[in-house]
N, C-alpha and C. Protein backbone atom coordinates (compact mmCIF):
# COMPACT_ATOMS: atom_id res chain seq x y z
N UNK A 1 8.35 18.24 -2.25
CA UNK A 1 7.75 17.17 -0.79
C UNK A 1 6.35 16.97 -1.08
N UNK A 2 6.49 16.22 -2.33
CA UNK A 2 4.79 16.03 -2.24
C UNK A 2 3.94 14.62 -1.56
N UNK A 3 5.72 14.02 -0.67
CA UNK A 3 4.54 12.82 -0.01
C UNK A 3 4.44 13.36 1.41
N UNK A 4 4.03 14.66 1.69
CA UNK A 4 3.51 15.13 3.11
C UNK A 4 1.81 15.32 2.61
N UNK A 5 1.80 15.53 1.35
CA UNK A 5 0.19 15.59 0.88
C UNK A 5 -0.41 14.49 0.68
N UNK A 6 0.22 13.47 0.37
CA UNK A 6 -0.29 12.38 0.10
C UNK A 6 -1.85 11.04 0.82
N UNK A 7 -1.36 11.53 1.94
CA UNK A 7 -2.83 10.91 2.65
C UNK A 7 -3.95 11.84 2.21
N UNK A 8 -3.72 12.99 2.09
CA UNK A 8 -5.05 13.55 1.76
C UNK A 8 -5.55 13.70 0.27
N UNK A 9 -4.66 13.68 -0.63
CA UNK A 9 -5.08 13.33 -2.32
C UNK A 9 -5.82 12.11 -2.55
N UNK A 10 -6.20 12.65 -3.56
CA UNK A 10 -7.40 12.10 -4.07
C UNK A 10 -6.94 10.18 -4.64
N UNK A 11 -7.81 9.74 -3.68
CA UNK A 11 -7.45 7.90 -4.31
C UNK A 11 -7.18 7.57 -5.64
N UNK A 12 -6.26 6.70 -6.20
CA UNK A 12 -6.09 6.59 -7.73
C UNK A 12 -6.68 5.48 -8.08
N UNK A 13 -6.87 4.49 -7.59
CA UNK A 13 -7.46 2.48 -7.71
C UNK A 13 -7.51 2.48 -6.02
N UNK A 14 -8.43 1.04 -6.09
CA UNK A 14 -8.29 0.20 -5.03
C UNK A 14 -7.75 -0.83 -5.33
N UNK A 15 -6.63 -1.88 -4.09
CA UNK A 15 -6.22 -2.97 -4.50
C UNK A 15 -6.48 -3.55 -2.97
N UNK A 16 -5.99 -4.74 -3.30
CA UNK A 16 -6.49 -5.94 -2.47
C UNK A 16 -4.96 -6.48 -1.87
N UNK A 17 -4.86 -6.73 -0.98
CA UNK A 17 -3.62 -7.78 -0.55
C UNK A 17 -3.86 -8.77 -0.85
N UNK A 18 -2.72 -9.75 -0.89
CA UNK A 18 -2.74 -10.81 -1.68
C UNK A 18 -2.07 -11.91 -0.66
N UNK A 19 -0.70 -11.37 0.01
CA UNK A 19 -0.19 -12.03 0.91
C UNK A 19 0.60 -11.20 1.73
N UNK A 20 1.12 -11.39 2.62
CA UNK A 20 1.81 -11.15 3.91
C UNK A 20 3.04 -11.83 3.96
N UNK A 21 3.71 -12.79 2.73
CA UNK A 21 4.92 -13.39 3.51
C UNK A 21 6.42 -12.59 2.40
N UNK A 22 6.99 -11.31 3.52
CA UNK A 22 7.90 -11.15 3.04
C UNK A 22 9.03 -11.49 3.13
N UNK A 23 9.57 -11.60 2.07
CA UNK A 23 11.94 -11.75 2.30
C UNK A 23 12.74 -11.08 3.02
N UNK A 24 12.09 -10.38 3.41
CA UNK A 24 13.34 -9.12 3.91
C UNK A 24 12.60 -8.32 4.75
N UNK A 25 11.79 -8.37 5.05
CA UNK A 25 10.92 -6.93 5.72
C UNK A 25 9.69 -7.08 6.18
N UNK A 26 9.55 -6.85 7.33
CA UNK A 26 8.04 -7.00 8.06
C UNK A 26 7.35 -6.29 7.49
N UNK A 27 6.32 -6.58 7.32
CA UNK A 27 4.95 -6.23 6.41
C UNK A 27 3.55 -6.67 6.90
N UNK A 28 3.53 -7.69 8.31
CA UNK A 28 2.44 -8.38 8.75
C UNK A 28 1.84 -7.32 9.38
N UNK A 29 2.58 -6.74 10.42
CA UNK A 29 2.22 -5.41 10.78
C UNK A 29 1.12 -4.47 10.54
N UNK A 30 1.72 -4.58 9.14
CA UNK A 30 0.78 -2.96 8.19
C UNK A 30 -0.27 -3.48 7.08
N UNK A 31 0.03 -4.62 6.96
CA UNK A 31 -1.19 -5.26 5.77
C UNK A 31 -1.59 -6.13 6.75
N UNK A 32 -3.34 -6.50 6.13
CA UNK A 32 -3.82 -7.86 6.09
C UNK A 32 -3.82 -8.28 5.05
N UNK A 33 -3.91 -9.13 5.17
CA UNK A 33 -4.25 -10.44 3.61
C UNK A 33 -5.62 -10.18 3.52
N UNK A 34 -5.92 -10.21 2.39
CA UNK A 34 -7.69 -9.63 1.90
C UNK A 34 -8.11 -8.53 2.38
N UNK A 35 -7.52 -7.44 2.68
CA UNK A 35 -7.98 -6.19 2.90
C UNK A 35 -7.73 -5.65 1.86
N UNK A 36 -8.93 -4.66 1.99
CA UNK A 36 -8.70 -3.63 0.25
C UNK A 36 -7.79 -1.64 1.28
N UNK A 37 -7.52 -1.53 0.15
CA UNK A 37 -6.18 -0.19 0.33
C UNK A 37 -6.82 0.70 -0.82
N UNK A 38 -6.30 2.02 -0.14
CA UNK A 38 -6.52 3.37 -1.03
C UNK A 38 -5.44 3.67 -1.89
N UNK A 39 -5.25 3.43 -3.02
CA UNK A 39 -3.72 3.40 -3.55
C UNK A 39 -3.48 5.18 -3.92
N UNK A 40 -2.72 6.14 -3.10
CA UNK A 40 -2.04 7.40 -3.37
C UNK A 40 -1.79 8.18 -4.19
N UNK A 41 -0.68 7.24 -4.74
CA UNK A 41 1.30 7.29 -5.27
C UNK A 41 1.24 5.81 -5.79
N UNK A 42 1.69 5.67 -7.18
CA UNK A 42 2.48 4.57 -7.22
C UNK A 42 3.20 4.64 -8.10
N UNK A 43 4.45 3.84 -7.98
CA UNK A 43 5.67 3.90 -9.12
C UNK A 43 5.59 2.85 -9.83
N UNK A 44 6.77 2.45 -10.17
CA UNK A 44 6.95 1.76 -11.44
C UNK A 44 6.91 0.02 -10.22
N UNK A 45 7.45 0.03 -9.06
CA UNK A 45 7.96 -0.43 -8.33
C UNK A 45 7.26 -1.42 -7.06
N UNK A 46 6.20 0.04 -6.46
CA UNK A 46 5.51 0.36 -5.32
C UNK A 46 4.32 1.04 -5.49
N UNK A 47 3.36 0.61 -4.03
CA UNK A 47 2.48 1.47 -4.53
C UNK A 47 2.59 1.79 -3.26
N UNK A 48 1.70 3.08 -3.11
CA UNK A 48 1.92 4.02 -2.24
C UNK A 48 0.54 4.15 -1.44
N UNK A 49 0.19 3.71 -0.28
CA UNK A 49 -1.20 3.22 0.33
C UNK A 49 -1.28 3.56 1.93
N UNK A 50 -2.52 3.75 2.09
CA UNK A 50 -2.58 4.06 4.16
C UNK A 50 -2.75 2.88 4.57
N UNK A 51 -1.84 2.20 5.27
CA UNK A 51 -1.81 0.91 5.77
C UNK A 51 -2.56 0.89 6.64
N UNK A 52 -2.07 -0.02 7.63
CA UNK A 52 -3.09 -0.34 8.91
C UNK A 52 -2.51 0.62 10.05
N UNK A 53 -1.57 1.32 9.86
CA UNK A 53 -0.85 2.12 11.22
C UNK A 53 -1.92 3.09 11.07
N UNK A 54 -2.29 3.63 9.58
CA UNK A 54 -3.38 4.78 9.33
C UNK A 54 -2.36 5.89 8.32
N UNK A 55 -1.07 5.32 8.42
CA UNK A 55 0.26 6.23 7.07
C UNK A 55 0.28 5.93 6.34
N UNK A 56 0.81 6.75 5.34
CA UNK A 56 1.13 6.35 3.71
C UNK A 56 2.41 5.31 4.00
N UNK A 57 2.12 4.54 3.52
CA UNK A 57 3.48 3.14 2.85
C UNK A 57 4.02 3.31 1.08
N UNK A 58 4.62 3.38 1.87
CA UNK A 58 5.06 2.05 0.21
C UNK A 58 5.63 0.87 -0.27
N UNK A 59 4.92 -0.45 -0.08
CA UNK A 59 5.31 -1.31 -0.41
C UNK A 59 5.23 -1.89 -1.76
N UNK A 60 6.02 -2.89 -2.19
CA UNK A 60 5.85 -3.79 -3.41
C UNK A 60 4.85 -4.13 -4.15
N UNK A 61 4.61 -4.08 -5.00
CA UNK A 61 3.53 -4.17 -5.81
C UNK A 61 2.90 -6.01 -6.24
N UNK A 62 4.34 -6.78 -5.56
CA UNK A 62 3.95 -8.04 -5.29
C UNK A 62 3.21 -8.40 -4.28
N UNK A 63 2.53 -7.98 -3.30
CA UNK A 63 1.99 -7.80 -2.28
C UNK A 63 -0.11 -7.55 -2.54
N UNK A 64 -0.16 -7.30 -3.61
CA UNK A 64 -1.43 -6.80 -4.41
C UNK A 64 -2.05 -7.10 -5.83
N UNK A 65 -3.03 -6.77 -4.91
CA UNK A 65 -3.61 -7.52 -7.28
C UNK A 65 -4.68 -6.36 -7.00
N UNK A 66 -5.00 -6.06 -8.50
CA UNK A 66 -6.20 -5.05 -8.35
C UNK A 66 -7.49 -5.50 -7.46
N UNK A 67 -8.60 -4.45 -7.28
CA UNK A 67 -9.43 -5.12 -6.35
C UNK A 67 -10.56 -4.79 -7.34
């Protein structure tokens, strides 16, 4: 249950949100274009970050670029 401690984990890197134009999901409520976020975990397809709600969320990598 590693996901329970992600919020307190060390930041892996910082990424910047480049867009919130999602085809399927509502992401503009949790992400802001231009903001820089701390990556807490990373997989092949997702970044797990602390989003605008203050919780850790998983988002497709297509929304971000390295800061």
